[in-house]
Amino acid sequence: MELIKELKQSKIIKSVFIALVGTVLLAVSSKIKIPFYPVPMTMQTLVVLLLGVTLGWKLGVATVALYLFEGIIGLPVFSGSPEKGVGIVYFSGPTMGYLIGFLFTVYFAGSFKFNKNLLIKFLQLIFSVSFIYIFGIFWLGTLIGWEKPLFQLGVQPFLLAELFKVLIVLFSLSKLKKLNQYLN
């Protein structure tokens, strides 16, 4: 019985450590950016997909939720923080929809059982990442107005880079799945 308790405790400690490392990766990837208006282009979407595929949906969602919590309480983990504000003030700005979309993206990327069909895997990754842009554009419309060219502002500038990030994950899937088995 004691051994079972120790195994559960060590698994929890391992999961917390992995989640913390994941939040550091998200924070670092948020600082690798190309400034666009109203939303910068970062490497976060790549990291969110990688977290989903390597950690699975449960630990992936926990990691992204922890990252969002860190930002909401004021840690400078978001792309424009601290220079454009911190905490809930920054979170509720133009990028909030995209940040919330991270939760759905990591969930789906972690839930899919990627088979051997390359096209199906590609479509699964595109489906997963699309939630970032769906939530992002809806929040952007709410914030800056629906009469603005939302697609041109909040999606179009990112499409080519997003395709490249999805392809990186797609062609790394076999290695990432092996890492998933090692981490779990």
N, C-alpha and C. Protein backbone atom coordinates (compact mmCIF):
# COMPACT_ATOMS: atom_id res chain seq x y z
N MET A 1 0.82 -1.19 0.00
CA MET A 1 0.00 0.00 0.00
C MET A 1 0.86 1.26 0.00
N GLU A 2 1.94 1.22 0.76
CA GLU A 2 2.87 2.36 0.82
C GLU A 2 3.51 2.61 -0.54
N LEU A 3 3.82 1.54 -1.25
CA LEU A 3 4.43 1.66 -2.57
C LEU A 3 3.48 2.36 -3.54
N ILE A 4 2.20 2.04 -3.46
CA ILE A 4 1.20 2.67 -4.33
C ILE A 4 1.14 4.17 -4.04
N LYS A 5 1.16 4.55 -2.77
CA LYS A 5 1.14 5.97 -2.40
C LYS A 5 2.36 6.69 -2.95
N GLU A 6 3.52 6.05 -2.83
CA GLU A 6 4.76 6.66 -3.31
C GLU A 6 4.73 6.81 -4.83
N LEU A 7 4.20 5.81 -5.53
CA LEU A 7 4.11 5.90 -6.98
C LEU A 7 3.18 7.03 -7.41
N LYS A 8 2.04 7.16 -6.72
CA LYS A 8 1.10 8.23 -7.04
C LYS A 8 1.73 9.58 -6.78
N GLN A 9 2.44 9.70 -5.64
CA GLN A 9 3.08 10.97 -5.31
C GLN A 9 4.17 11.31 -6.32
N SER A 10 4.95 10.32 -6.72
CA SER A 10 6.02 10.59 -7.69
C SER A 10 5.43 10.96 -9.05
N LYS A 11 4.31 10.36 -9.42
CA LYS A 11 3.65 10.70 -10.69
C LYS A 11 3.12 12.14 -10.64
N ILE A 12 2.57 12.54 -9.50
CA ILE A 12 2.08 13.91 -9.35
C ILE A 12 3.24 14.89 -9.42
N ILE A 13 4.33 14.60 -8.74
CA ILE A 13 5.50 15.47 -8.77
C ILE A 13 6.05 15.58 -10.18
N LYS A 14 6.12 14.45 -10.87
CA LYS A 14 6.60 14.43 -12.26
C LYS A 14 5.68 15.27 -13.15
N SER A 15 4.37 15.13 -12.98
CA SER A 15 3.41 15.89 -13.79
C SER A 15 3.51 17.38 -13.52
N VAL A 16 3.67 17.76 -12.25
CA VAL A 16 3.81 19.18 -11.91
C VAL A 16 5.09 19.74 -12.53
N PHE A 17 6.17 18.99 -12.45
CA PHE A 17 7.43 19.43 -13.04
C PHE A 17 7.30 19.59 -14.55
N ILE A 18 6.68 18.62 -15.21
CA ILE A 18 6.49 18.69 -16.66
C ILE A 18 5.62 19.89 -17.03
N ALA A 19 4.56 20.12 -16.25
CA ALA A 19 3.68 21.27 -16.52
C ALA A 19 4.44 22.59 -16.35
N LEU A 20 5.27 22.68 -15.34
CA LEU A 20 6.05 23.90 -15.13
C LEU A 20 7.04 24.12 -16.27
N VAL A 21 7.68 23.06 -16.72
CA VAL A 21 8.59 23.17 -17.87
C VAL A 21 7.80 23.62 -19.11
N GLY A 22 6.60 23.07 -19.27
CA GLY A 22 5.74 23.47 -20.39
C GLY A 22 5.37 24.94 -20.35
N THR A 23 5.10 25.46 -19.15
CA THR A 23 4.76 26.88 -19.04
C THR A 23 5.97 27.76 -19.36
N VAL A 24 7.16 27.28 -19.01
CA VAL A 24 8.38 28.02 -19.36
C VAL A 24 8.55 28.04 -20.88
N LEU A 25 8.31 26.90 -21.53
CA LEU A 25 8.39 26.85 -23.00
C LEU A 25 7.39 27.80 -23.65
N LEU A 26 6.18 27.84 -23.10
CA LEU A 26 5.17 28.76 -23.62
C LEU A 26 5.59 30.21 -23.42
N ALA A 27 6.13 30.53 -22.25
CA ALA A 27 6.56 31.90 -21.98
C ALA A 27 7.69 32.31 -22.91
N VAL A 28 8.67 31.43 -23.08
CA VAL A 28 9.80 31.74 -23.97
C VAL A 28 9.29 31.89 -25.41
N SER A 29 8.40 30.99 -25.82
CA SER A 29 7.89 31.06 -27.20
C SER A 29 7.04 32.30 -27.43
N SER A 30 6.47 32.86 -26.36
CA SER A 30 5.69 34.09 -26.50
C SER A 30 6.58 35.29 -26.78
N LYS A 31 7.82 35.21 -26.36
CA LYS A 31 8.75 36.32 -26.54
C LYS A 31 9.44 36.28 -27.91
N ILE A 32 9.32 35.15 -28.62
CA ILE A 32 9.84 35.05 -29.99
C ILE A 32 8.70 35.51 -30.89
N LYS A 33 8.77 36.77 -31.30
CA LYS A 33 7.59 37.33 -31.97
C LYS A 33 7.97 38.30 -33.08
N ILE A 34 7.01 38.44 -33.98
CA ILE A 34 7.05 39.46 -35.01
C ILE A 34 5.89 40.39 -34.69
N PRO A 35 6.16 41.67 -34.44
CA PRO A 35 5.07 42.57 -34.03
C PRO A 35 4.11 42.88 -35.17
N PHE A 36 2.89 42.44 -35.02
CA PHE A 36 1.79 42.79 -35.92
C PHE A 36 0.77 43.54 -35.08
N TYR A 37 -0.14 44.23 -35.74
CA TYR A 37 -1.23 44.88 -35.03
C TYR A 37 -2.52 44.21 -35.44
N PRO A 38 -3.41 43.90 -34.55
CA PRO A 38 -3.39 44.12 -33.10
C PRO A 38 -2.81 42.93 -32.32
N VAL A 39 -2.43 41.87 -33.02
CA VAL A 39 -1.94 40.66 -32.36
C VAL A 39 -0.58 40.29 -32.94
N PRO A 40 0.44 40.07 -32.09
CA PRO A 40 1.75 39.71 -32.63
C PRO A 40 1.80 38.25 -33.06
N MET A 41 2.72 37.93 -33.96
CA MET A 41 2.95 36.54 -34.36
C MET A 41 4.03 35.97 -33.44
N THR A 42 3.72 34.86 -32.80
CA THR A 42 4.68 34.23 -31.89
C THR A 42 4.86 32.76 -32.26
N MET A 43 5.71 32.10 -31.52
CA MET A 43 5.93 30.67 -31.72
C MET A 43 5.05 29.84 -30.78
N GLN A 44 4.14 30.48 -30.08
CA GLN A 44 3.31 29.77 -29.10
C GLN A 44 2.43 28.70 -29.71
N THR A 45 1.90 28.94 -30.89
CA THR A 45 1.01 27.93 -31.47
C THR A 45 1.76 26.63 -31.74
N LEU A 46 3.03 26.75 -32.13
CA LEU A 46 3.86 25.56 -32.31
C LEU A 46 4.01 24.83 -30.98
N VAL A 47 4.32 25.56 -29.93
CA VAL A 47 4.51 24.94 -28.61
C VAL A 47 3.21 24.33 -28.09
N VAL A 48 2.09 24.99 -28.32
CA VAL A 48 0.80 24.44 -27.88
C VAL A 48 0.53 23.10 -28.57
N LEU A 49 0.76 23.04 -29.87
CA LEU A 49 0.59 21.77 -30.59
C LEU A 49 1.55 20.70 -30.06
N LEU A 50 2.80 21.09 -29.85
CA LEU A 50 3.79 20.14 -29.32
C LEU A 50 3.39 19.63 -27.94
N LEU A 51 2.89 20.52 -27.10
CA LEU A 51 2.46 20.10 -25.76
C LEU A 51 1.29 19.11 -25.85
N GLY A 52 0.35 19.39 -26.73
CA GLY A 52 -0.78 18.49 -26.88
C GLY A 52 -0.36 17.11 -27.33
N VAL A 53 0.48 17.07 -28.34
CA VAL A 53 0.91 15.78 -28.90
C VAL A 53 1.80 15.01 -27.92
N THR A 54 2.70 15.71 -27.23
CA THR A 54 3.64 15.01 -26.35
C THR A 54 3.08 14.71 -24.97
N LEU A 55 2.23 15.58 -24.45
CA LEU A 55 1.74 15.38 -23.08
C LEU A 55 0.38 14.71 -23.02
N GLY A 56 -0.35 14.72 -24.12
CA GLY A 56 -1.72 14.23 -24.09
C GLY A 56 -2.64 15.34 -23.64
N TRP A 57 -3.93 15.11 -23.75
CA TRP A 57 -4.87 16.21 -23.51
C TRP A 57 -4.94 16.61 -22.04
N LYS A 58 -4.87 15.68 -21.12
CA LYS A 58 -5.03 16.03 -19.70
C LYS A 58 -3.89 16.92 -19.19
N LEU A 59 -2.68 16.43 -19.33
CA LEU A 59 -1.54 17.21 -18.86
C LEU A 59 -1.32 18.44 -19.74
N GLY A 60 -1.64 18.32 -21.01
CA GLY A 60 -1.52 19.47 -21.92
C GLY A 60 -2.46 20.60 -21.52
N VAL A 61 -3.72 20.27 -21.26
CA VAL A 61 -4.68 21.30 -20.83
C VAL A 61 -4.27 21.87 -19.48
N ALA A 62 -3.81 21.03 -18.57
CA ALA A 62 -3.35 21.51 -17.26
C ALA A 62 -2.17 22.48 -17.42
N THR A 63 -1.27 22.16 -18.32
CA THR A 63 -0.10 23.01 -18.56
C THR A 63 -0.51 24.36 -19.12
N VAL A 64 -1.37 24.36 -20.13
CA VAL A 64 -1.82 25.62 -20.72
C VAL A 64 -2.64 26.42 -19.71
N ALA A 65 -3.48 25.76 -18.94
CA ALA A 65 -4.27 26.46 -17.92
C ALA A 65 -3.34 27.09 -16.88
N LEU A 66 -2.31 26.39 -16.48
CA LEU A 66 -1.33 26.94 -15.54
C LEU A 66 -0.63 28.15 -16.14
N TYR A 67 -0.27 28.06 -17.40
CA TYR A 67 0.36 29.18 -18.10
C TYR A 67 -0.57 30.40 -18.10
N LEU A 68 -1.83 30.19 -18.44
CA LEU A 68 -2.79 31.30 -18.45
C LEU A 68 -2.96 31.88 -17.05
N PHE A 69 -3.01 31.02 -16.05
CA PHE A 69 -3.12 31.47 -14.66
C PHE A 69 -1.90 32.32 -14.28
N GLU A 70 -0.72 31.86 -14.66
CA GLU A 70 0.51 32.62 -14.37
C GLU A 70 0.42 34.03 -14.95
N GLY A 71 -0.07 34.11 -16.18
CA GLY A 71 -0.20 35.41 -16.83
C GLY A 71 -1.27 36.28 -16.19
N ILE A 72 -2.38 35.67 -15.83
CA ILE A 72 -3.48 36.43 -15.24
C ILE A 72 -3.10 37.01 -13.87
N ILE A 73 -2.29 36.27 -13.11
CA ILE A 73 -1.90 36.80 -11.79
C ILE A 73 -0.74 37.80 -11.88
N GLY A 74 -0.23 38.02 -13.07
CA GLY A 74 0.74 39.09 -13.24
C GLY A 74 2.16 38.70 -13.61
N LEU A 75 2.43 37.42 -13.75
CA LEU A 75 3.77 37.04 -14.21
C LEU A 75 3.91 37.45 -15.68
N PRO A 76 5.07 37.96 -16.09
CA PRO A 76 5.22 38.46 -17.47
C PRO A 76 5.45 37.35 -18.49
N VAL A 77 4.50 36.44 -18.61
CA VAL A 77 4.65 35.29 -19.49
C VAL A 77 4.01 35.50 -20.87
N PHE A 78 3.14 36.49 -20.99
CA PHE A 78 2.47 36.72 -22.26
C PHE A 78 3.38 37.50 -23.21
N SER A 79 3.03 37.48 -24.47
CA SER A 79 3.84 38.08 -25.53
C SER A 79 4.17 39.55 -25.27
N GLY A 80 3.20 40.35 -24.93
CA GLY A 80 3.41 41.79 -24.77
C GLY A 80 3.66 42.23 -23.35
N SER A 81 3.83 41.28 -22.44
CA SER A 81 4.05 41.68 -21.05
C SER A 81 5.54 41.63 -20.75
N PRO A 82 6.06 42.48 -19.96
CA PRO A 82 5.42 43.53 -19.17
C PRO A 82 5.25 44.86 -19.90
N GLU A 83 5.84 45.02 -21.09
CA GLU A 83 5.83 46.33 -21.75
C GLU A 83 4.43 46.85 -22.07
N LYS A 84 3.46 45.98 -22.29
CA LYS A 84 2.09 46.42 -22.62
C LYS A 84 1.11 46.10 -21.50
N GLY A 85 1.63 45.85 -20.31
CA GLY A 85 0.78 45.56 -19.17
C GLY A 85 0.94 44.11 -18.73
N VAL A 86 0.39 43.82 -17.57
CA VAL A 86 0.46 42.47 -17.02
C VAL A 86 -0.89 42.09 -16.43
N GLY A 87 -0.99 40.84 -16.10
CA GLY A 87 -2.17 40.35 -15.39
C GLY A 87 -3.42 40.35 -16.23
N ILE A 88 -4.52 40.50 -15.53
CA ILE A 88 -5.85 40.42 -16.17
C ILE A 88 -6.04 41.55 -17.18
N VAL A 89 -5.39 42.69 -16.97
CA VAL A 89 -5.51 43.80 -17.91
C VAL A 89 -4.95 43.40 -19.27
N TYR A 90 -3.77 42.80 -19.28
CA TYR A 90 -3.19 42.34 -20.55
C TYR A 90 -3.99 41.17 -21.11
N PHE A 91 -4.34 40.23 -20.24
CA PHE A 91 -5.06 39.04 -20.68
C PHE A 91 -6.36 39.41 -21.40
N SER A 92 -7.06 40.41 -20.90
CA SER A 92 -8.35 40.77 -21.50
C SER A 92 -8.20 41.70 -22.71
N GLY A 93 -6.99 41.89 -23.18
CA GLY A 93 -6.74 42.70 -24.37
C GLY A 93 -7.00 41.93 -25.65
N PRO A 94 -6.43 42.39 -26.77
CA PRO A 94 -6.70 41.79 -28.07
C PRO A 94 -6.34 40.31 -28.21
N THR A 95 -5.42 39.81 -27.39
CA THR A 95 -4.98 38.42 -27.55
C THR A 95 -5.78 37.42 -26.72
N MET A 96 -6.74 37.87 -25.92
CA MET A 96 -7.45 36.95 -25.02
C MET A 96 -8.10 35.78 -25.75
N GLY A 97 -8.76 36.02 -26.84
CA GLY A 97 -9.41 34.93 -27.58
C GLY A 97 -8.41 33.89 -28.07
N TYR A 98 -7.27 34.35 -28.52
CA TYR A 98 -6.23 33.44 -28.98
C TYR A 98 -5.71 32.60 -27.81
N LEU A 99 -5.50 33.26 -26.67
CA LEU A 99 -5.01 32.55 -25.49
C LEU A 99 -6.01 31.50 -25.02
N ILE A 100 -7.28 31.82 -25.02
CA ILE A 100 -8.31 30.84 -24.64
C ILE A 100 -8.34 29.70 -25.66
N GLY A 101 -8.14 30.04 -26.92
CA GLY A 101 -8.08 29.02 -27.97
C GLY A 101 -6.97 28.01 -27.75
N PHE A 102 -5.90 28.41 -27.03
CA PHE A 102 -4.82 27.47 -26.71
C PHE A 102 -5.36 26.25 -25.99
N LEU A 103 -6.32 26.46 -25.08
CA LEU A 103 -6.88 25.34 -24.31
C LEU A 103 -7.54 24.31 -25.22
N PHE A 104 -8.29 24.78 -26.19
CA PHE A 104 -8.99 23.88 -27.11
C PHE A 104 -8.00 23.20 -28.06
N THR A 105 -7.01 23.96 -28.50
CA THR A 105 -6.00 23.41 -29.41
C THR A 105 -5.23 22.29 -28.73
N VAL A 106 -4.76 22.52 -27.51
CA VAL A 106 -3.99 21.50 -26.81
C VAL A 106 -4.87 20.29 -26.50
N TYR A 107 -6.15 20.53 -26.22
CA TYR A 107 -7.07 19.43 -25.96
C TYR A 107 -7.19 18.52 -27.19
N PHE A 108 -7.48 19.12 -28.33
CA PHE A 108 -7.67 18.31 -29.53
C PHE A 108 -6.36 17.68 -30.01
N ALA A 109 -5.27 18.44 -29.99
CA ALA A 109 -3.99 17.87 -30.40
C ALA A 109 -3.60 16.70 -29.50
N GLY A 110 -3.97 16.78 -28.24
CA GLY A 110 -3.67 15.69 -27.31
C GLY A 110 -4.66 14.55 -27.35
N SER A 111 -5.82 14.78 -27.89
CA SER A 111 -6.87 13.75 -27.94
C SER A 111 -6.78 12.86 -29.17
N PHE A 112 -6.33 13.42 -30.26
CA PHE A 112 -6.31 12.66 -31.51
C PHE A 112 -5.34 11.48 -31.44
N LYS A 113 -5.78 10.39 -32.03
CA LYS A 113 -4.91 9.23 -32.24
C LYS A 113 -4.42 9.35 -33.67
N PHE A 114 -3.22 9.83 -33.83
CA PHE A 114 -2.68 10.08 -35.16
C PHE A 114 -2.31 8.76 -35.83
N ASN A 115 -3.02 8.46 -36.92
CA ASN A 115 -2.78 7.20 -37.64
C ASN A 115 -1.65 7.40 -38.65
N LYS A 116 -1.52 6.48 -39.56
CA LYS A 116 -0.42 6.53 -40.52
C LYS A 116 -0.73 7.38 -41.75
N ASN A 117 -1.97 7.79 -41.93
CA ASN A 117 -2.36 8.58 -43.09
C ASN A 117 -1.91 10.03 -42.90
N LEU A 118 -0.98 10.48 -43.73
CA LEU A 118 -0.40 11.81 -43.61
C LEU A 118 -1.43 12.91 -43.76
N LEU A 119 -2.34 12.76 -44.71
CA LEU A 119 -3.37 13.78 -44.93
C LEU A 119 -4.29 13.90 -43.72
N ILE A 120 -4.69 12.77 -43.15
CA ILE A 120 -5.57 12.79 -41.97
C ILE A 120 -4.86 13.47 -40.80
N LYS A 121 -3.59 13.14 -40.59
CA LYS A 121 -2.83 13.77 -39.51
C LYS A 121 -2.72 15.29 -39.73
N PHE A 122 -2.48 15.69 -40.96
CA PHE A 122 -2.40 17.10 -41.29
C PHE A 122 -3.72 17.80 -40.97
N LEU A 123 -4.81 17.20 -41.39
CA LEU A 123 -6.13 17.79 -41.14
C LEU A 123 -6.45 17.85 -39.64
N GLN A 124 -6.03 16.84 -38.89
CA GLN A 124 -6.24 16.85 -37.44
C GLN A 124 -5.48 18.01 -36.79
N LEU A 125 -4.26 18.24 -37.23
CA LEU A 125 -3.48 19.35 -36.68
C LEU A 125 -4.07 20.70 -37.07
N ILE A 126 -4.52 20.82 -38.32
CA ILE A 126 -5.16 22.06 -38.77
C ILE A 126 -6.44 22.30 -37.97
N PHE A 127 -7.23 21.26 -37.78
CA PHE A 127 -8.45 21.37 -36.98
C PHE A 127 -8.11 21.84 -35.57
N SER A 128 -7.09 21.24 -34.98
CA SER A 128 -6.70 21.60 -33.61
C SER A 128 -6.31 23.07 -33.51
N VAL A 129 -5.47 23.53 -34.40
CA VAL A 129 -4.95 24.90 -34.32
C VAL A 129 -6.01 25.93 -34.73
N SER A 130 -7.01 25.51 -35.45
CA SER A 130 -8.04 26.46 -35.90
C SER A 130 -8.78 27.09 -34.74
N PHE A 131 -8.85 26.42 -33.60
CA PHE A 131 -9.56 26.99 -32.45
C PHE A 131 -8.89 28.25 -31.92
N ILE A 132 -7.59 28.34 -32.08
CA ILE A 132 -6.89 29.56 -31.67
C ILE A 132 -7.44 30.74 -32.47
N TYR A 133 -7.60 30.55 -33.75
CA TYR A 133 -8.05 31.63 -34.62
C TYR A 133 -9.55 31.87 -34.53
N ILE A 134 -10.31 30.83 -34.31
CA ILE A 134 -11.76 31.00 -34.15
C ILE A 134 -12.05 31.85 -32.91
N PHE A 135 -11.48 31.45 -31.77
CA PHE A 135 -11.71 32.22 -30.55
C PHE A 135 -11.06 33.60 -30.65
N GLY A 136 -9.89 33.65 -31.30
CA GLY A 136 -9.19 34.92 -31.44
C GLY A 136 -9.98 35.94 -32.22
N ILE A 137 -10.54 35.52 -33.35
CA ILE A 137 -11.27 36.46 -34.19
C ILE A 137 -12.60 36.88 -33.55
N PHE A 138 -13.23 35.97 -32.82
CA PHE A 138 -14.47 36.35 -32.13
C PHE A 138 -14.19 37.37 -31.03
N TRP A 139 -13.14 37.17 -30.28
CA TRP A 139 -12.81 38.14 -29.22
C TRP A 139 -12.37 39.46 -29.85
N LEU A 140 -11.59 39.40 -30.91
CA LEU A 140 -11.13 40.60 -31.58
C LEU A 140 -12.32 41.42 -32.10
N GLY A 141 -13.30 40.73 -32.68
CA GLY A 141 -14.50 41.41 -33.15
C GLY A 141 -15.26 42.08 -32.03
N THR A 142 -15.34 41.39 -30.91
CA THR A 142 -16.02 41.95 -29.74
C THR A 142 -15.27 43.17 -29.22
N LEU A 143 -13.96 43.12 -29.26
CA LEU A 143 -13.13 44.17 -28.68
C LEU A 143 -12.99 45.39 -29.58
N ILE A 144 -12.70 45.18 -30.86
CA ILE A 144 -12.41 46.33 -31.74
C ILE A 144 -13.55 46.64 -32.70
N GLY A 145 -14.56 45.79 -32.76
CA GLY A 145 -15.71 46.06 -33.61
C GLY A 145 -15.81 45.11 -34.79
N TRP A 146 -17.03 44.70 -35.05
CA TRP A 146 -17.28 43.72 -36.11
C TRP A 146 -17.19 44.33 -37.50
N GLU A 147 -17.20 45.65 -37.59
CA GLU A 147 -17.11 46.30 -38.90
C GLU A 147 -15.67 46.34 -39.43
N LYS A 148 -14.70 46.05 -38.58
CA LYS A 148 -13.29 46.02 -38.97
C LYS A 148 -13.00 44.78 -39.82
N PRO A 149 -11.95 44.81 -40.64
CA PRO A 149 -11.58 43.64 -41.44
C PRO A 149 -10.88 42.59 -40.56
N LEU A 150 -11.66 41.87 -39.78
CA LEU A 150 -11.13 40.97 -38.75
C LEU A 150 -10.26 39.86 -39.31
N PHE A 151 -10.68 39.26 -40.41
CA PHE A 151 -9.89 38.18 -40.99
C PHE A 151 -8.51 38.71 -41.42
N GLN A 152 -8.50 39.88 -42.05
CA GLN A 152 -7.23 40.46 -42.50
C GLN A 152 -6.34 40.86 -41.32
N LEU A 153 -6.93 41.25 -40.21
CA LEU A 153 -6.16 41.66 -39.04
C LEU A 153 -5.74 40.48 -38.16
N GLY A 154 -6.66 39.53 -37.97
CA GLY A 154 -6.45 38.52 -36.94
C GLY A 154 -6.16 37.11 -37.40
N VAL A 155 -6.21 36.86 -38.72
CA VAL A 155 -5.95 35.50 -39.20
C VAL A 155 -4.97 35.51 -40.38
N GLN A 156 -5.29 36.25 -41.40
CA GLN A 156 -4.53 36.19 -42.65
C GLN A 156 -3.02 36.37 -42.48
N PRO A 157 -2.54 37.31 -41.66
CA PRO A 157 -1.08 37.47 -41.54
C PRO A 157 -0.36 36.24 -40.98
N PHE A 158 -1.10 35.36 -40.34
CA PHE A 158 -0.50 34.23 -39.65
C PHE A 158 -0.57 32.91 -40.43
N LEU A 159 -1.31 32.87 -41.51
CA LEU A 159 -1.60 31.61 -42.18
C LEU A 159 -0.36 30.88 -42.71
N LEU A 160 0.53 31.58 -43.35
CA LEU A 160 1.71 30.93 -43.91
C LEU A 160 2.62 30.39 -42.79
N ALA A 161 2.84 31.20 -41.78
CA ALA A 161 3.65 30.75 -40.64
C ALA A 161 2.98 29.58 -39.92
N GLU A 162 1.68 29.63 -39.83
CA GLU A 162 0.94 28.55 -39.15
C GLU A 162 1.07 27.25 -39.93
N LEU A 163 0.99 27.34 -41.22
CA LEU A 163 1.17 26.16 -42.06
C LEU A 163 2.56 25.55 -41.82
N PHE A 164 3.57 26.39 -41.75
CA PHE A 164 4.93 25.92 -41.50
C PHE A 164 5.02 25.23 -40.13
N LYS A 165 4.40 25.81 -39.10
CA LYS A 165 4.43 25.22 -37.76
C LYS A 165 3.70 23.87 -37.73
N VAL A 166 2.58 23.80 -38.42
CA VAL A 166 1.83 22.54 -38.48
C VAL A 166 2.66 21.47 -39.18
N LEU A 167 3.36 21.86 -40.24
CA LEU A 167 4.21 20.90 -40.96
C LEU A 167 5.37 20.41 -40.09
N ILE A 168 5.92 21.30 -39.27
CA ILE A 168 6.98 20.88 -38.33
C ILE A 168 6.45 19.80 -37.40
N VAL A 169 5.27 20.03 -36.83
CA VAL A 169 4.68 19.04 -35.92
C VAL A 169 4.32 17.77 -36.68
N LEU A 170 3.74 17.92 -37.86
CA LEU A 170 3.33 16.77 -38.66
C LEU A 170 4.51 15.83 -38.92
N PHE A 171 5.64 16.38 -39.33
CA PHE A 171 6.78 15.53 -39.66
C PHE A 171 7.61 15.13 -38.45
N SER A 172 7.20 15.60 -37.28
CA SER A 172 7.85 15.21 -36.03
C SER A 172 6.98 14.28 -35.19
N LEU A 173 5.80 13.95 -35.69
CA LEU A 173 4.83 13.20 -34.89
C LEU A 173 5.36 11.88 -34.34
N SER A 174 6.08 11.13 -35.13
CA SER A 174 6.55 9.83 -34.64
C SER A 174 7.51 10.01 -33.47
N LYS A 175 8.39 10.99 -33.54
CA LYS A 175 9.31 11.26 -32.43
C LYS A 175 8.56 11.80 -31.22
N LEU A 176 7.58 12.65 -31.48
CA LEU A 176 6.80 13.23 -30.38
C LEU A 176 5.98 12.16 -29.65
N LYS A 177 5.45 11.21 -30.40
CA LYS A 177 4.68 10.12 -29.78
C LYS A 177 5.58 9.25 -28.91
N LYS A 178 6.84 9.05 -29.34
CA LYS A 178 7.79 8.30 -28.52
C LYS A 178 8.09 9.06 -27.24
N LEU A 179 8.22 10.37 -27.34
CA LEU A 179 8.44 11.20 -26.16
C LEU A 179 7.24 11.12 -25.23
N ASN A 180 6.05 11.07 -25.81
CA ASN A 180 4.82 10.93 -25.03
C ASN A 180 4.85 9.65 -24.20
N GLN A 181 5.26 8.56 -24.80
CA GLN A 181 5.34 7.29 -24.08
C GLN A 181 6.36 7.35 -22.96
N TYR A 182 7.46 8.06 -23.19
CA TYR A 182 8.50 8.20 -22.17
C TYR A 182 8.01 9.05 -20.99
N LEU A 183 7.26 10.12 -21.30
CA LEU A 183 6.79 11.02 -20.25
C LEU A 183 5.66 10.42 -19.41
N ASN A 184 4.91 9.50 -19.98
CA ASN A 184 3.78 8.93 -19.25
C ASN A 184 4.11 7.62 -18.62
